[in-house]
Amino acid sequence: MDRAEHDAARRWGRWCMVLSLALVCAGCGVARTDLMDYRPSPGFDVQPPPPGRSLVIFTRADREASETSAALFEDETLIGILMARTYLAYETTPGKHRFMVVSEAADFMDADLVDGKVYFARVDPREGWWRARFSLRPVTPNDPRWAEVREWNAASTRVTLNNAGRGWAQENAASIAEKHDAYLVKWLGKTERPTLYREDGVAFTNIP
């Protein structure tokens, strides 16, 4: 980690401390956040995308780094915050998108989506400087992990962004932009960048 990244991580660490104040401990033994609304029970609770829309399911399936939040964005717009064993169903337009996940650092994933199709991506923790970092990993029908999608869906709880989360994003817009700009340059310099391609989507009826 170079000096600039180290300083950015320190600033982001302070930012994450603010976010951690919004975390509460659920009776199930994993941390939750009051910046998201939770469905009453785990399980796959999603409707097919309407005409002219695509659906991306972001799943944080395991309990690793369970007290560290993973904030998900399209570009710099917050779409949700995932804790352990939660998932987000993000409905959006077909075409090209860029998603970002932020904790101590930021990482990215591109997507080219097709009308009516459903796509899957994992939010996977990795080691950070002071706290966990996260990466976005496409999960496709050709991926060996595709067979695990049903298990992830059954064990995780769907969450949706609430007004408290939107307010938090507005208050921290400058920090979000700083993190986005600092790490996007590094990500674009990589030869391999995670991407959901058009053919990676499936019909709703073909979800495992």
Protein backbone atom coordinates (compact mmCIF):
# COMPACT_ATOMS: atom_id res chain seq x y z
CA MET A 1 0.00 0.00 0.00
CA ASP A 2 1.51 3.37 -1.04
CA ARG A 3 1.35 6.54 1.06
CA ALA A 4 -1.63 8.02 -0.81
CA GLU A 5 -3.60 4.80 -0.45
CA HIS A 6 -2.59 4.57 3.20
CA ASP A 7 -3.86 8.09 3.87
CA ALA A 8 -7.07 7.38 1.97
CA ALA A 9 -7.57 4.22 3.99
CA ARG A 10 -7.13 6.19 7.22
CA ARG A 11 -9.75 8.71 6.13
CA TRP A 12 -12.03 5.90 5.06
CA GLY A 13 -11.46 4.18 8.40
CA ARG A 14 -12.90 7.22 10.13
CA TRP A 15 -15.80 7.18 7.67
CA CYS A 16 -16.42 3.51 8.41
CA MET A 17 -16.52 4.29 12.12
CA VAL A 18 -19.51 6.52 11.40
CA LEU A 19 -21.13 3.73 9.47
CA SER A 20 -20.43 1.25 12.27
CA LEU A 21 -22.57 3.35 14.58
CA ALA A 22 -25.52 2.28 12.46
CA LEU A 23 -24.85 -1.40 13.07
CA VAL A 24 -27.02 -3.38 15.46
CA CYS A 25 -26.71 -6.94 16.64
CA ALA A 26 -29.50 -9.23 15.49
CA GLY A 27 -30.76 -12.19 17.49
CA CYS A 28 -29.49 -14.55 14.81
CA GLY A 29 -25.89 -13.82 15.83
CA VAL A 30 -24.85 -11.66 12.85
CA ALA A 31 -24.63 -7.89 12.71
CA ARG A 32 -27.29 -5.88 10.95
CA THR A 33 -27.54 -2.26 9.87
CA ASP A 34 -30.45 0.09 10.40
CA LEU A 35 -29.65 1.69 7.03
CA MET A 36 -31.44 -1.24 5.34
CA ASP A 37 -34.84 -2.87 5.77
CA TYR A 38 -34.84 -6.64 6.29
CA ARG A 39 -37.40 -9.19 5.14
CA PRO A 40 -38.89 -11.16 8.06
CA SER A 41 -37.10 -14.41 7.26
CA PRO A 42 -34.31 -15.81 5.06
CA GLY A 43 -35.04 -17.21 1.62
CA PHE A 44 -35.34 -16.12 -1.99
CA ASP A 45 -38.05 -13.47 -2.05
CA VAL A 46 -37.78 -11.84 -5.49
CA GLN A 47 -40.17 -11.11 -8.36
CA PRO A 48 -39.21 -11.32 -12.06
CA PRO A 49 -38.00 -8.06 -13.59
CA PRO A 50 -40.77 -6.15 -15.40
CA PRO A 51 -40.55 -5.52 -19.16
CA GLY A 52 -37.68 -3.26 -20.08
CA ARG A 53 -35.73 -4.00 -16.90
CA SER A 54 -32.90 -6.30 -15.77
CA LEU A 55 -32.19 -7.71 -12.32
CA VAL A 56 -28.85 -8.17 -10.54
CA ILE A 57 -28.74 -10.22 -7.34
CA PHE A 58 -25.79 -9.27 -5.11
CA THR A 59 -25.25 -11.92 -2.44
CA ARG A 60 -22.99 -11.85 0.60
CA ALA A 61 -23.41 -15.48 1.47
CA ASP A 62 -20.95 -16.23 4.27
CA ARG A 63 -20.34 -15.02 7.82
CA GLU A 64 -16.72 -13.96 7.38
CA ALA A 65 -16.00 -10.39 8.56
CA SER A 66 -19.59 -10.33 9.76
CA GLU A 67 -19.29 -6.98 11.57
CA THR A 68 -17.90 -5.17 8.52
CA SER A 69 -20.38 -3.58 6.15
CA ALA A 70 -20.08 -3.75 2.35
CA ALA A 71 -21.65 -0.69 0.73
CA LEU A 72 -22.81 -1.22 -2.86
CA PHE A 73 -23.06 1.52 -5.45
CA GLU A 74 -23.86 2.01 -9.10
CA ASP A 75 -21.12 4.47 -9.94
CA GLU A 76 -21.39 6.74 -6.87
CA THR A 77 -25.08 6.17 -6.11
CA LEU A 78 -25.76 3.94 -3.11
CA ILE A 79 -27.98 0.94 -3.89
CA GLY A 80 -27.56 -1.03 -0.67
CA ILE A 81 -25.41 -2.15 2.25
CA LEU A 82 -24.79 -5.85 2.75
CA MET A 83 -23.93 -7.51 6.01
CA ALA A 84 -23.24 -11.24 6.35
CA ARG A 85 -25.94 -13.57 5.01
CA THR A 86 -27.88 -10.90 3.14
CA TYR A 87 -28.64 -10.19 -0.52
CA LEU A 88 -29.82 -7.28 -2.62
CA ALA A 89 -32.08 -7.54 -5.70
CA TYR A 90 -31.22 -4.52 -7.83
CA GLU A 91 -33.58 -3.72 -10.68
CA THR A 92 -32.11 -1.50 -13.39
CA THR A 93 -32.07 -0.72 -17.11
CA PRO A 94 -30.57 -3.06 -19.70
CA GLY A 95 -27.19 -2.04 -21.03
CA LYS A 96 -23.83 -1.15 -19.53
CA HIS A 97 -23.30 -0.42 -15.84
CA ARG A 98 -20.43 -0.13 -13.38
CA PHE A 99 -20.86 -1.25 -9.78
CA MET A 100 -18.66 -0.47 -6.79
CA VAL A 101 -18.30 -2.10 -3.39
CA VAL A 102 -16.76 -0.09 -0.57
CA SER A 103 -15.45 -0.89 2.90
CA GLU A 104 -11.85 0.02 3.79
CA ALA A 105 -11.15 0.20 0.05
CA ALA A 106 -13.21 0.15 -3.14
CA ASP A 107 -13.48 -2.47 -5.86
CA PHE A 108 -15.54 -2.56 -9.05
CA MET A 109 -17.41 -4.76 -11.50
CA ASP A 110 -18.72 -3.92 -14.96
CA ALA A 111 -21.94 -5.34 -16.37
CA ASP A 112 -23.71 -5.44 -19.72
CA LEU A 113 -27.29 -6.48 -18.99
CA VAL A 114 -30.12 -7.83 -21.14
CA ASP A 115 -33.79 -6.95 -20.83
CA GLY A 116 -35.68 -9.48 -18.68
CA LYS A 117 -32.62 -11.44 -17.55
CA VAL A 118 -31.37 -12.09 -14.01
CA TYR A 119 -27.68 -11.88 -13.07
CA PHE A 120 -25.79 -12.94 -9.95
CA ALA A 121 -22.69 -11.58 -8.22
CA ARG A 122 -21.06 -12.45 -4.91
CA VAL A 123 -19.73 -9.88 -2.48
CA ASP A 124 -16.63 -11.63 -1.13
CA PRO A 125 -14.48 -10.40 1.80
CA ARG A 126 -10.70 -10.22 1.62
CA GLU A 127 -7.97 -9.06 3.96
CA GLY A 128 -7.58 -5.33 4.47
CA TRP A 129 -5.24 -2.96 6.30
CA TRP A 130 -7.45 -2.31 9.35
CA ARG A 131 -10.67 -4.10 8.42
CA ALA A 132 -12.02 -6.37 5.71
CA ARG A 133 -12.18 -5.30 2.09
CA PHE A 134 -14.60 -6.73 -0.48
CA SER A 135 -14.60 -7.74 -4.13
CA LEU A 136 -17.46 -8.27 -6.57
CA ARG A 137 -17.38 -11.67 -8.27
CA PRO A 138 -19.71 -12.59 -11.15
CA VAL A 139 -21.45 -15.94 -10.72
CA THR A 140 -22.62 -17.41 -14.01
CA PRO A 141 -24.19 -20.69 -15.21
CA ASN A 142 -20.69 -21.77 -16.31
CA ASP A 143 -19.21 -21.13 -12.86
CA PRO A 144 -18.68 -24.15 -10.56
CA ARG A 145 -20.34 -22.10 -7.80
CA TRP A 146 -23.58 -21.86 -9.79
CA ALA A 147 -24.82 -25.01 -8.06
CA GLU A 148 -24.51 -23.20 -4.73
CA VAL A 149 -26.84 -20.34 -5.67
CA ARG A 150 -29.89 -22.14 -4.30
CA GLU A 151 -28.14 -22.66 -0.94
CA TRP A 152 -27.07 -19.00 -0.78
CA ASN A 153 -30.62 -17.88 -1.51
CA ALA A 154 -32.10 -20.10 1.17
CA ALA A 155 -29.65 -19.03 3.88
CA SER A 156 -29.65 -15.27 3.20
CA THR A 157 -32.15 -12.49 3.92
CA ARG A 158 -33.19 -9.93 1.35
CA VAL A 159 -32.54 -6.29 2.28
CA THR A 160 -33.70 -3.03 0.70
CA LEU A 161 -32.34 0.47 1.06
CA ASN A 162 -34.34 2.75 3.38
CA ASN A 163 -34.47 6.51 3.94
CA ALA A 164 -31.85 6.34 6.68
CA GLY A 165 -29.46 4.73 4.20
CA ARG A 166 -30.17 7.33 1.55
CA GLY A 167 -29.57 10.09 4.07
CA TRP A 168 -26.30 8.54 5.16
CA ALA A 169 -25.14 8.41 1.52
CA GLN A 170 -25.99 12.08 0.98
CA GLU A 171 -24.12 13.13 4.11
CA ASN A 172 -21.04 11.20 3.02
CA ALA A 173 -21.15 11.97 -0.72
CA ALA A 174 -17.72 13.65 -0.68
CA SER A 175 -16.05 10.67 1.00
CA ILE A 176 -17.76 8.27 -1.40
CA ALA A 177 -16.53 10.26 -4.40
CA GLU A 178 -12.99 10.34 -3.00
CA LYS A 179 -12.96 6.59 -2.52
CA HIS A 180 -14.44 6.03 -5.99
CA ASP A 181 -11.84 8.20 -7.73
CA ALA A 182 -8.85 6.87 -5.77
CA TYR A 183 -9.52 3.19 -6.48
CA LEU A 184 -11.10 3.32 -9.94
CA VAL A 185 -7.79 4.40 -11.45
CA LYS A 186 -6.09 1.35 -9.94
CA TRP A 187 -8.88 -0.96 -11.07
CA LEU A 188 -8.83 0.31 -14.66
CA GLY A 189 -5.11 -0.43 -14.76
CA LYS A 190 -5.69 -4.15 -14.18
CA THR A 191 -5.56 -6.56 -17.11
CA GLU A 192 -8.40 -8.66 -15.69
CA ARG A 193 -11.51 -6.90 -14.42
CA PRO A 194 -14.63 -8.75 -13.23
CA THR A 195 -17.54 -8.34 -15.63
CA LEU A 196 -21.06 -9.66 -16.02
CA TYR A 197 -21.57 -10.23 -19.74
CA ARG A 198 -24.87 -10.24 -21.61
CA GLU A 199 -24.85 -14.02 -21.94
CA ASP A 200 -24.36 -14.50 -18.17
CA GLY A 201 -27.99 -13.65 -17.48
CA VAL A 202 -30.74 -16.27 -17.12
CA ALA A 203 -34.50 -16.23 -17.38
CA PHE A 204 -36.25 -15.91 -14.04
CA THR A 205 -37.63 -19.44 -14.45
CA ASN A 206 -34.08 -20.80 -14.78
CA ILE A 207 -32.79 -19.48 -11.47
CA PRO A 208 -31.44 -22.45 -9.46
